[in-house]
Amino acid sequence: MKRRWLTSLRILLGLFFAAGGAMKGSAVQEFSSVISAFDLLPEEWSLFTAVAIIAGEMFFGTLLMFGIALRRTGAVLIAAILIFTLAAASALVRGIETSCGCFGASSEETIGAGTLIRNGIILLLLVIVTAARPHEPQK
């Protein structure tokens, strides 16, 4: 039962990241503008950063869905969600009102406490999935 639950959670988290990347990928320029609005990077880095985030979310989300290199994949996604959360917290503290861009151009959610709470929950779930011992076949 525990193994089935962890597998389902892993697949859902992988789908969350892969789909989020795909949704951002449908409007790369808009996502690039969202990154610029955070005012953390030079403007000329925004497009490259957007493409890297999109590719990374889709790639590592897919790896997570299929359970490939689970510990490394989980570690990369944990690092990513930590960076996203720190960027969101930074924007919040500096009074920047912008979309989180979490789900592409259709995402109109303004960064707020809800964003940080959601990211914290995702972080916790990623840690659970990543730290779980892989299933060993019965003899």
C-alpha atoms as a PDB file:
ATOM      1  CA  MET A   1       0.000   0.000   0.000  1.00  0.00           C
ATOM      2  CA  LYS A   2       2.776   2.436   0.956  1.00  0.00           C
ATOM      3  CA  ARG A   3       4.629   1.689  -2.277  1.00  0.00           C
ATOM      4  CA  ARG A   4       1.524   2.342  -4.394  1.00  0.00           C
ATOM      5  CA  TRP A   5       0.915   5.638  -2.595  1.00  0.00           C
ATOM      6  CA  LEU A   6       4.512   6.769  -3.127  1.00  0.00           C
ATOM      7  CA  THR A   7       4.413   5.735  -6.788  1.00  0.00           C
ATOM      8  CA  SER A   8       1.191   7.689  -7.323  1.00  0.00           C
ATOM      9  CA  LEU A   9       2.638  10.725  -5.557  1.00  0.00           C
ATOM     10  CA  ARG A  10       5.828  10.525  -7.641  1.00  0.00           C
ATOM     11  CA  ILE A  11       3.854  10.338 -10.886  1.00  0.00           C
ATOM     12  CA  LEU A  12       1.610  13.248  -9.894  1.00  0.00           C
ATOM     13  CA  LEU A  13       4.562  15.428  -8.903  1.00  0.00           C
ATOM     14  CA  GLY A  14       6.352  14.576 -12.145  1.00  0.00           C
ATOM     15  CA  LEU A  15       3.228  15.419 -14.106  1.00  0.00           C
ATOM     16  CA  PHE A  16       2.913  18.693 -12.177  1.00  0.00           C
ATOM     17  CA  PHE A  17       6.414  19.776 -13.215  1.00  0.00           C
ATOM     18  CA  ALA A  18       6.249  18.453 -16.788  1.00  0.00           C
ATOM     19  CA  ALA A  19       2.842  20.039 -17.413  1.00  0.00           C
ATOM     20  CA  GLY A  20       3.928  23.303 -15.775  1.00  0.00           C
ATOM     21  CA  GLY A  21       6.935  23.412 -18.088  1.00  0.00           C
ATOM     22  CA  ALA A  22       4.797  22.659 -21.127  1.00  0.00           C
ATOM     23  CA  MET A  23       2.312  25.390 -20.205  1.00  0.00           C
ATOM     24  CA  LYS A  24       5.149  27.887 -19.831  1.00  0.00           C
ATOM     25  CA  GLY A  25       6.597  26.656 -23.120  1.00  0.00           C
ATOM     26  CA  SER A  26       3.431  27.616 -24.965  1.00  0.00           C
ATOM     27  CA  ALA A  27       4.239  31.284 -24.267  1.00  0.00           C
ATOM     28  CA  VAL A  28       7.995  31.594 -23.771  1.00  0.00           C
ATOM     29  CA  GLN A  29       8.121  35.378 -24.288  1.00  0.00           C
ATOM     30  CA  GLU A  30       5.409  35.961 -21.689  1.00  0.00           C
ATOM     31  CA  PHE A  31       7.200  33.717 -19.209  1.00  0.00           C
ATOM     32  CA  SER A  32      10.422  35.607 -19.950  1.00  0.00           C
ATOM     33  CA  SER A  33       8.586  38.833 -19.031  1.00  0.00           C
ATOM     34  CA  VAL A  34       7.459  37.285 -15.738  1.00  0.00           C
ATOM     35  CA  ILE A  35      11.087  36.416 -14.948  1.00  0.00           C
ATOM     36  CA  SER A  36      12.113  40.009 -15.746  1.00  0.00           C
ATOM     37  CA  ALA A  37       9.434  41.313 -13.372  1.00  0.00           C
ATOM     38  CA  PHE A  38      11.143  39.557 -10.443  1.00  0.00           C
ATOM     39  CA  ASP A  39      14.057  41.962 -10.966  1.00  0.00           C
ATOM     40  CA  LEU A  40      16.653  39.398  -9.882  1.00  0.00           C
ATOM     41  CA  LEU A  41      18.583  38.912 -13.127  1.00  0.00           C
ATOM     42  CA  PRO A  42      19.791  41.205 -15.877  1.00  0.00           C
ATOM     43  CA  GLU A  43      16.976  41.650 -18.406  1.00  0.00           C
ATOM     44  CA  GLU A  44      19.018  40.097 -21.205  1.00  0.00           C
ATOM     45  CA  TRP A  45      19.189  36.801 -19.259  1.00  0.00           C
ATOM     46  CA  SER A  46      15.406  36.448 -18.972  1.00  0.00           C
ATOM     47  CA  LEU A  47      14.767  34.588 -22.232  1.00  0.00           C
ATOM     48  CA  PHE A  48      17.621  32.125 -21.669  1.00  0.00           C
ATOM     49  CA  THR A  49      16.460  31.579 -18.077  1.00  0.00           C
ATOM     50  CA  ALA A  50      12.877  31.020 -19.237  1.00  0.00           C
ATOM     51  CA  VAL A  51      13.945  28.409 -21.789  1.00  0.00           C
ATOM     52  CA  ALA A  52      16.203  26.681 -19.230  1.00  0.00           C
ATOM     53  CA  ILE A  53      13.412  26.537 -16.629  1.00  0.00           C
ATOM     54  CA  ILE A  54      10.908  25.227 -19.175  1.00  0.00           C
ATOM     55  CA  ALA A  55      13.279  22.543 -20.465  1.00  0.00           C
ATOM     56  CA  GLY A  56      14.338  21.583 -16.945  1.00  0.00           C
ATOM     57  CA  GLU A  57      10.799  21.257 -15.638  1.00  0.00           C
ATOM     58  CA  MET A  58       9.714  19.162 -18.602  1.00  0.00           C
ATOM     59  CA  PHE A  59      12.827  16.952 -18.548  1.00  0.00           C
ATOM     60  CA  PHE A  60      13.076  16.360 -14.809  1.00  0.00           C
ATOM     61  CA  GLY A  61       9.303  16.117 -14.418  1.00  0.00           C
ATOM     62  CA  THR A  62       9.294  13.323 -16.996  1.00  0.00           C
ATOM     63  CA  LEU A  63      12.200  11.572 -15.263  1.00  0.00           C
ATOM     64  CA  LEU A  64      10.308  11.794 -11.969  1.00  0.00           C
ATOM     65  CA  MET A  65       7.126  10.381 -13.521  1.00  0.00           C
ATOM     66  CA  PHE A  66       9.046   7.331 -14.727  1.00  0.00           C
ATOM     67  CA  GLY A  67      11.178   7.000 -11.596  1.00  0.00           C
ATOM     68  CA  ILE A  68      14.451   7.437 -13.496  1.00  0.00           C
ATOM     69  CA  ALA A  69      17.491   8.421 -11.399  1.00  0.00           C
ATOM     70  CA  LEU A  70      15.025   9.183  -8.646  1.00  0.00           C
ATOM     71  CA  ARG A  71      17.410  10.568  -6.022  1.00  0.00           C
ATOM     72  CA  ARG A  72      19.232  12.873  -8.446  1.00  0.00           C
ATOM     73  CA  THR A  73      16.024  13.906 -10.173  1.00  0.00           C
ATOM     74  CA  GLY A  74      14.390  14.620  -6.829  1.00  0.00           C
ATOM     75  CA  ALA A  75      17.420  16.624  -5.693  1.00  0.00           C
ATOM     76  CA  VAL A  76      17.290  18.792  -8.827  1.00  0.00           C
ATOM     77  CA  LEU A  77      13.550  19.454  -8.419  1.00  0.00           C
ATOM     78  CA  ILE A  78      13.994  20.180  -4.698  1.00  0.00           C
ATOM     79  CA  ALA A  79      16.687  22.723  -5.581  1.00  0.00           C
ATOM     80  CA  ALA A  80      14.425  24.226  -8.257  1.00  0.00           C
ATOM     81  CA  ILE A  81      11.420  24.618  -5.940  1.00  0.00           C
ATOM     82  CA  LEU A  82      13.691  26.148  -3.284  1.00  0.00           C
ATOM     83  CA  ILE A  83      14.996  28.681  -5.818  1.00  0.00           C
ATOM     84  CA  PHE A  84      11.459  29.464  -7.028  1.00  0.00           C
ATOM     85  CA  THR A  85      10.320  29.915  -3.426  1.00  0.00           C
ATOM     86  CA  LEU A  86      13.230  32.210  -2.563  1.00  0.00           C
ATOM     87  CA  ALA A  87      12.571  34.280  -5.696  1.00  0.00           C
ATOM     88  CA  ALA A  88       8.879  34.556  -4.798  1.00  0.00           C
ATOM     89  CA  ALA A  89       9.676  35.483  -1.183  1.00  0.00           C
ATOM     90  CA  SER A  90      12.166  38.080  -2.404  1.00  0.00           C
ATOM     91  CA  ALA A  91       9.576  39.663  -4.695  1.00  0.00           C
ATOM     92  CA  LEU A  92       7.032  39.652  -1.875  1.00  0.00           C
ATOM     93  CA  VAL A  93       9.421  41.325   0.570  1.00  0.00           C
ATOM     94  CA  ARG A  94      10.418  43.943  -2.017  1.00  0.00           C
ATOM     95  CA  GLY A  95       6.762  44.729  -2.753  1.00  0.00           C
ATOM     96  CA  ILE A  96       6.876  43.509  -6.354  1.00  0.00           C
ATOM     97  CA  GLU A  97       3.403  42.549  -7.506  1.00  0.00           C
ATOM     98  CA  THR A  98       3.759  40.064 -10.329  1.00  0.00           C
ATOM     99  CA  SER A  99       2.376  36.788 -11.532  1.00  0.00           C
ATOM    100  CA  CYS A 100       4.272  33.759 -10.325  1.00  0.00           C
ATOM    101  CA  GLY A 101       4.174  32.406 -13.879  1.00  0.00           C
ATOM    102  CA  CYS A 102       3.872  28.946 -12.362  1.00  0.00           C
ATOM    103  CA  PHE A 103       1.489  27.646 -14.996  1.00  0.00           C
ATOM    104  CA  GLY A 104       2.428  29.751 -17.988  1.00  0.00           C
ATOM    105  CA  ALA A 105       0.714  32.759 -19.494  1.00  0.00           C
ATOM    106  CA  SER A 106      -2.693  31.591 -18.268  1.00  0.00           C
ATOM    107  CA  SER A 107      -1.477  31.900 -14.676  1.00  0.00           C
ATOM    108  CA  GLU A 108      -2.651  35.219 -13.310  1.00  0.00           C
ATOM    109  CA  GLU A 109      -2.008  34.365  -9.670  1.00  0.00           C
ATOM    110  CA  THR A 110      -0.106  37.197  -8.013  1.00  0.00           C
ATOM    111  CA  ILE A 111       2.690  36.103  -5.728  1.00  0.00           C
ATOM    112  CA  GLY A 112       1.537  35.953  -2.142  1.00  0.00           C
ATOM    113  CA  ALA A 113       1.520  33.810   0.964  1.00  0.00           C
ATOM    114  CA  GLY A 114      -0.441  31.158  -0.950  1.00  0.00           C
ATOM    115  CA  THR A 115       2.432  30.803  -3.406  1.00  0.00           C
ATOM    116  CA  LEU A 116       4.897  30.215  -0.580  1.00  0.00           C
ATOM    117  CA  ILE A 117       2.596  27.736   1.164  1.00  0.00           C
ATOM    118  CA  ARG A 118       1.975  25.794  -2.061  1.00  0.00           C
ATOM    119  CA  ASN A 119       5.716  25.657  -2.760  1.00  0.00           C
ATOM    120  CA  GLY A 120       6.356  24.477   0.800  1.00  0.00           C
ATOM    121  CA  ILE A 121       3.876  21.632   0.357  1.00  0.00           C
ATOM    122  CA  ILE A 122       5.427  20.678  -2.994  1.00  0.00           C
ATOM    123  CA  LEU A 123       8.860  20.763  -1.348  1.00  0.00           C
ATOM    124  CA  LEU A 124       7.703  18.472   1.453  1.00  0.00           C
ATOM    125  CA  LEU A 125       6.155  16.017  -1.024  1.00  0.00           C
ATOM    126  CA  LEU A 126       9.324  16.012  -3.133  1.00  0.00           C
ATOM    127  CA  VAL A 127      11.423  15.254  -0.054  1.00  0.00           C
ATOM    128  CA  ILE A 128       9.107  12.359   0.860  1.00  0.00           C
ATOM    129  CA  VAL A 129       9.269  10.874  -2.649  1.00  0.00           C
ATOM    130  CA  THR A 130      13.028  11.407  -2.957  1.00  0.00           C
ATOM    131  CA  ALA A 131      13.898  10.048   0.499  1.00  0.00           C
ATOM    132  CA  ALA A 132      11.713   6.936   0.222  1.00  0.00           C
ATOM    133  CA  ARG A 133      13.643   3.730  -0.157  1.00  0.00           C
ATOM    134  CA  PRO A 134      13.197   2.123  -3.533  1.00  0.00           C
ATOM    135  CA  HIS A 135      11.174  -1.076  -3.575  1.00  0.00           C
ATOM    136  CA  GLU A 136      13.277  -4.201  -3.356  1.00  0.00           C
ATOM    137  CA  PRO A 137      11.845  -7.223  -5.155  1.00  0.00           C
ATOM    138  CA  GLN A 138      10.741 -10.074  -2.902  1.00  0.00           C
ATOM    139  CA  LYS A 139      12.714 -13.291  -3.077  1.00  0.00           C
END
